[in-house]
Amino acid sequence: MSLRTICEIERELVKVDRFYPSSKTCSVCGWINEHLNLSTRQWTCKNGHVLDRDHNARINILNEGLKIHRLGRSFTKVERSNKTTSVAPLDEARSPSCL
């Protein structure tokens, strides 16, 4: 399913900063692993939480998107008009996450 299709269903687009450390941040305690390599698929934070890199990143991106949404910042309404859907252009410095 494409991002556009998801946004058509959900009707809001939340932009999470592309440099947000979603893979490096422990989704349980918030500790940031500054030395995490791209090749590392599973890691343990300093507090002992064992994390799968992709699953951990999904949780962190969702939580960051919800936080941005709750603050009422950086979201764009997806509007429907005569069977067409238009989404406002994204800021180049950010990557989108639909909620």
N, C-alpha and C. Protein backbone atom coordinates (compact mmCIF):
# COMPACT_ATOMS: atom_id res chain seq x y z
N MET A 1 0.86 -1.18 0.00
CA MET A 1 0.00 0.00 0.00
C MET A 1 0.90 1.24 0.00
N SER A 2 0.62 2.19 -0.85
CA SER A 2 1.46 3.38 -0.96
C SER A 2 1.14 4.38 0.14
N LEU A 3 2.08 5.29 0.37
CA LEU A 3 1.88 6.34 1.37
C LEU A 3 0.66 7.18 1.01
N ARG A 4 0.49 7.48 -0.27
CA ARG A 4 -0.66 8.28 -0.70
C ARG A 4 -1.97 7.57 -0.38
N THR A 5 -2.04 6.24 -0.63
CA THR A 5 -3.25 5.47 -0.33
C THR A 5 -3.54 5.48 1.16
N ILE A 6 -2.52 5.28 1.95
CA ILE A 6 -2.70 5.29 3.41
C ILE A 6 -3.22 6.65 3.85
N CYS A 7 -2.65 7.72 3.32
CA CYS A 7 -3.07 9.06 3.70
C CYS A 7 -4.49 9.37 3.24
N GLU A 8 -4.89 8.80 2.11
CA GLU A 8 -6.26 8.99 1.65
C GLU A 8 -7.24 8.38 2.64
N ILE A 9 -6.86 7.25 3.22
CA ILE A 9 -7.72 6.58 4.19
C ILE A 9 -7.71 7.34 5.51
N GLU A 10 -6.52 7.68 5.98
CA GLU A 10 -6.37 8.28 7.30
C GLU A 10 -6.63 9.78 7.34
N ARG A 11 -6.38 10.45 6.22
CA ARG A 11 -6.71 11.86 6.05
C ARG A 11 -5.74 12.84 6.69
N GLU A 12 -4.69 12.39 7.35
CA GLU A 12 -3.70 13.30 7.89
C GLU A 12 -2.30 12.77 7.63
N LEU A 13 -1.39 13.66 7.38
CA LEU A 13 0.00 13.30 7.14
C LEU A 13 0.85 14.01 8.19
N VAL A 14 1.58 13.24 8.98
CA VAL A 14 2.45 13.81 9.99
C VAL A 14 3.88 13.63 9.52
N LYS A 15 4.65 14.70 9.54
CA LYS A 15 6.02 14.66 9.07
C LYS A 15 6.97 14.50 10.26
N VAL A 16 7.73 13.40 10.26
CA VAL A 16 8.74 13.16 11.28
C VAL A 16 10.09 13.49 10.66
N ASP A 17 10.92 14.21 11.38
CA ASP A 17 12.23 14.61 10.89
C ASP A 17 13.01 13.39 10.40
N ARG A 18 13.57 13.47 9.20
CA ARG A 18 14.29 12.33 8.63
C ARG A 18 15.52 11.97 9.44
N PHE A 19 16.03 12.88 10.26
CA PHE A 19 17.21 12.61 11.07
C PHE A 19 16.86 12.20 12.50
N TYR A 20 15.57 12.02 12.79
CA TYR A 20 15.16 11.53 14.11
C TYR A 20 15.79 10.15 14.30
N PRO A 21 16.49 9.90 15.42
CA PRO A 21 17.22 8.63 15.61
C PRO A 21 16.31 7.47 16.01
N SER A 22 15.41 7.09 15.12
CA SER A 22 14.41 6.07 15.45
C SER A 22 15.01 4.69 15.69
N SER A 23 16.07 4.34 14.98
CA SER A 23 16.71 3.04 15.17
C SER A 23 17.63 3.03 16.37
N LYS A 24 18.23 4.18 16.67
CA LYS A 24 19.23 4.28 17.73
C LYS A 24 18.64 4.52 19.11
N THR A 25 17.36 4.88 19.19
CA THR A 25 16.73 5.20 20.47
C THR A 25 15.98 4.00 21.00
N CYS A 26 16.25 3.63 22.24
CA CYS A 26 15.52 2.51 22.86
C CYS A 26 14.07 2.93 23.05
N SER A 27 13.15 2.15 22.49
CA SER A 27 11.72 2.49 22.57
C SER A 27 11.15 2.22 23.97
N VAL A 28 11.91 1.58 24.84
CA VAL A 28 11.45 1.30 26.20
C VAL A 28 11.87 2.40 27.17
N CYS A 29 13.17 2.78 27.14
CA CYS A 29 13.68 3.73 28.13
C CYS A 29 14.15 5.06 27.55
N GLY A 30 14.34 5.13 26.21
CA GLY A 30 14.75 6.38 25.57
C GLY A 30 16.25 6.58 25.43
N TRP A 31 17.07 5.63 25.89
CA TRP A 31 18.52 5.76 25.75
C TRP A 31 18.89 5.72 24.28
N ILE A 32 19.83 6.57 23.87
CA ILE A 32 20.26 6.64 22.47
C ILE A 32 21.62 5.98 22.32
N ASN A 33 21.70 4.98 21.43
CA ASN A 33 22.93 4.26 21.12
C ASN A 33 23.64 4.99 19.99
N GLU A 34 24.55 5.88 20.34
CA GLU A 34 25.26 6.70 19.35
C GLU A 34 26.16 5.88 18.43
N HIS A 35 26.52 4.68 18.84
CA HIS A 35 27.49 3.88 18.08
C HIS A 35 26.85 2.73 17.31
N LEU A 36 25.55 2.76 17.09
CA LEU A 36 24.86 1.69 16.37
C LEU A 36 25.21 1.73 14.88
N ASN A 37 25.66 0.61 14.34
CA ASN A 37 25.99 0.50 12.92
C ASN A 37 24.78 0.04 12.13
N LEU A 38 24.74 0.35 10.83
CA LEU A 38 23.63 -0.09 9.98
C LEU A 38 23.54 -1.60 9.88
N SER A 39 24.64 -2.29 10.03
CA SER A 39 24.65 -3.75 9.90
C SER A 39 24.11 -4.46 11.15
N THR A 40 23.98 -3.74 12.25
CA THR A 40 23.49 -4.34 13.49
C THR A 40 21.96 -4.45 13.45
N ARG A 41 21.45 -5.66 13.46
CA ARG A 41 20.00 -5.87 13.37
C ARG A 41 19.33 -5.98 14.73
N GLN A 42 20.08 -6.40 15.74
CA GLN A 42 19.54 -6.51 17.10
C GLN A 42 20.58 -5.94 18.05
N TRP A 43 20.13 -5.18 19.04
CA TRP A 43 21.06 -4.59 19.99
C TRP A 43 20.43 -4.50 21.37
N THR A 44 21.28 -4.30 22.37
CA THR A 44 20.84 -4.20 23.76
C THR A 44 21.22 -2.82 24.28
N CYS A 45 20.25 -2.10 24.86
CA CYS A 45 20.53 -0.77 25.39
C CYS A 45 21.27 -0.91 26.73
N LYS A 46 21.75 0.20 27.26
CA LYS A 46 22.53 0.17 28.49
C LYS A 46 21.71 -0.31 29.68
N ASN A 47 20.38 -0.29 29.56
CA ASN A 47 19.51 -0.75 30.64
C ASN A 47 19.06 -2.19 30.46
N GLY A 48 19.61 -2.87 29.43
CA GLY A 48 19.35 -4.29 29.24
C GLY A 48 18.18 -4.66 28.35
N HIS A 49 17.56 -3.69 27.70
CA HIS A 49 16.44 -3.98 26.80
C HIS A 49 16.98 -4.48 25.47
N VAL A 50 16.57 -5.68 25.05
CA VAL A 50 17.01 -6.26 23.78
C VAL A 50 16.03 -5.81 22.70
N LEU A 51 16.57 -5.21 21.63
CA LEU A 51 15.73 -4.57 20.61
C LEU A 51 16.05 -5.06 19.21
N ASP A 52 15.00 -5.33 18.43
CA ASP A 52 15.14 -5.57 16.99
C ASP A 52 15.15 -4.18 16.34
N ARG A 53 16.14 -3.90 15.53
CA ARG A 53 16.32 -2.57 14.96
C ARG A 53 15.07 -2.04 14.24
N ASP A 54 14.47 -2.83 13.34
CA ASP A 54 13.33 -2.37 12.56
C ASP A 54 12.08 -2.21 13.42
N HIS A 55 11.81 -3.18 14.28
CA HIS A 55 10.63 -3.10 15.16
C HIS A 55 10.75 -1.90 16.10
N ASN A 56 11.94 -1.71 16.65
CA ASN A 56 12.20 -0.58 17.54
C ASN A 56 11.97 0.74 16.81
N ALA A 57 12.47 0.85 15.57
CA ALA A 57 12.31 2.07 14.79
C ALA A 57 10.83 2.35 14.51
N ARG A 58 10.06 1.31 14.19
CA ARG A 58 8.61 1.50 13.94
C ARG A 58 7.91 2.08 15.16
N ILE A 59 8.23 1.54 16.34
CA ILE A 59 7.62 2.04 17.58
C ILE A 59 7.99 3.50 17.80
N ASN A 60 9.27 3.83 17.62
CA ASN A 60 9.73 5.20 17.84
C ASN A 60 9.13 6.18 16.85
N ILE A 61 9.02 5.80 15.58
CA ILE A 61 8.42 6.68 14.57
C ILE A 61 6.95 6.91 14.87
N LEU A 62 6.24 5.86 15.25
CA LEU A 62 4.83 6.02 15.61
C LEU A 62 4.68 6.96 16.79
N ASN A 63 5.48 6.75 17.84
CA ASN A 63 5.39 7.60 19.03
C ASN A 63 5.75 9.05 18.73
N GLU A 64 6.77 9.27 17.92
CA GLU A 64 7.16 10.63 17.54
C GLU A 64 6.06 11.28 16.70
N GLY A 65 5.47 10.54 15.78
CA GLY A 65 4.37 11.07 14.97
C GLY A 65 3.16 11.43 15.82
N LEU A 66 2.84 10.59 16.80
CA LEU A 66 1.72 10.88 17.70
C LEU A 66 2.01 12.12 18.56
N LYS A 67 3.26 12.26 18.99
CA LYS A 67 3.65 13.43 19.78
C LYS A 67 3.50 14.70 18.95
N ILE A 68 3.99 14.68 17.71
CA ILE A 68 3.87 15.83 16.82
C ILE A 68 2.40 16.15 16.57
N HIS A 69 1.59 15.12 16.35
CA HIS A 69 0.16 15.30 16.11
C HIS A 69 -0.53 15.93 17.33
N ARG A 70 -0.22 15.42 18.53
CA ARG A 70 -0.83 15.96 19.75
C ARG A 70 -0.48 17.43 19.95
N LEU A 71 0.74 17.81 19.55
CA LEU A 71 1.17 19.20 19.69
C LEU A 71 0.56 20.11 18.62
N GLY A 72 -0.11 19.49 17.62
CA GLY A 72 -0.75 20.26 16.56
C GLY A 72 0.23 20.85 15.57
N ARG A 73 1.42 20.24 15.44
CA ARG A 73 2.45 20.76 14.54
C ARG A 73 2.64 19.82 13.35
N SER A 74 3.11 20.40 12.26
CA SER A 74 3.62 19.66 11.10
C SER A 74 2.69 18.60 10.55
N PHE A 75 1.41 18.86 10.47
CA PHE A 75 0.57 17.91 9.76
C PHE A 75 -0.18 18.61 8.65
N THR A 76 -0.50 17.86 7.65
CA THR A 76 -1.17 18.37 6.46
C THR A 76 -2.44 17.58 6.23
N LYS A 77 -3.54 18.25 6.08
CA LYS A 77 -4.79 17.57 5.77
C LYS A 77 -4.76 17.08 4.33
N VAL A 78 -5.28 15.90 4.13
CA VAL A 78 -5.44 15.37 2.78
C VAL A 78 -6.89 15.62 2.39
N GLU A 79 -7.08 16.41 1.35
CA GLU A 79 -8.44 16.79 0.96
C GLU A 79 -8.87 16.06 -0.30
N ARG A 80 -10.13 15.67 -0.33
CA ARG A 80 -10.69 15.01 -1.51
C ARG A 80 -11.59 16.00 -2.24
N SER A 81 -11.42 16.05 -3.54
CA SER A 81 -12.30 16.91 -4.33
C SER A 81 -12.50 16.26 -5.70
N ASN A 82 -13.73 15.90 -6.00
CA ASN A 82 -14.08 15.28 -7.28
C ASN A 82 -13.16 14.12 -7.66
N LYS A 83 -13.04 13.15 -6.77
CA LYS A 83 -12.28 11.92 -6.98
C LYS A 83 -10.77 12.13 -7.06
N THR A 84 -10.28 13.32 -6.75
CA THR A 84 -8.83 13.53 -6.73
C THR A 84 -8.40 13.84 -5.30
N THR A 85 -7.22 13.44 -4.99
CA THR A 85 -6.69 13.70 -3.66
C THR A 85 -5.43 14.54 -3.81
N SER A 86 -5.38 15.64 -3.09
CA SER A 86 -4.19 16.46 -3.17
C SER A 86 -3.52 16.51 -1.80
N VAL A 87 -2.22 16.35 -1.81
CA VAL A 87 -1.45 16.43 -0.57
C VAL A 87 -0.48 17.58 -0.74
N ALA A 88 -0.41 18.43 0.26
CA ALA A 88 0.53 19.55 0.20
C ALA A 88 1.94 19.02 0.10
N PRO A 89 2.84 19.73 -0.60
CA PRO A 89 4.21 19.27 -0.74
C PRO A 89 4.89 19.11 0.61
N LEU A 90 5.74 18.09 0.71
CA LEU A 90 6.46 17.84 1.95
C LEU A 90 7.70 18.70 2.03
N ASP A 91 8.04 19.07 3.23
CA ASP A 91 9.29 19.77 3.49
C ASP A 91 10.42 18.81 3.12
N GLU A 92 11.38 19.24 2.33
CA GLU A 92 12.45 18.37 1.86
C GLU A 92 13.29 17.80 3.00
N ALA A 93 13.34 18.51 4.12
CA ALA A 93 14.19 18.06 5.24
C ALA A 93 13.49 17.04 6.14
N ARG A 94 12.28 16.66 5.80
CA ARG A 94 11.55 15.75 6.66
C ARG A 94 11.01 14.57 5.87
N SER A 95 10.81 13.47 6.57
CA SER A 95 10.19 12.32 5.93
C SER A 95 8.81 12.12 6.55
N PRO A 96 7.81 11.67 5.78
CA PRO A 96 6.45 11.58 6.28
C PRO A 96 6.15 10.29 7.02
N SER A 97 5.17 10.40 7.91
CA SER A 97 4.62 9.22 8.59
C SER A 97 3.13 9.48 8.72
N CYS A 98 2.32 8.60 8.18
CA CYS A 98 0.87 8.79 8.26
C CYS A 98 0.34 8.25 9.57
N LEU A 99 -0.64 8.92 10.12
CA LEU A 99 -1.32 8.46 11.33
C LEU A 99 -2.79 8.30 11.03
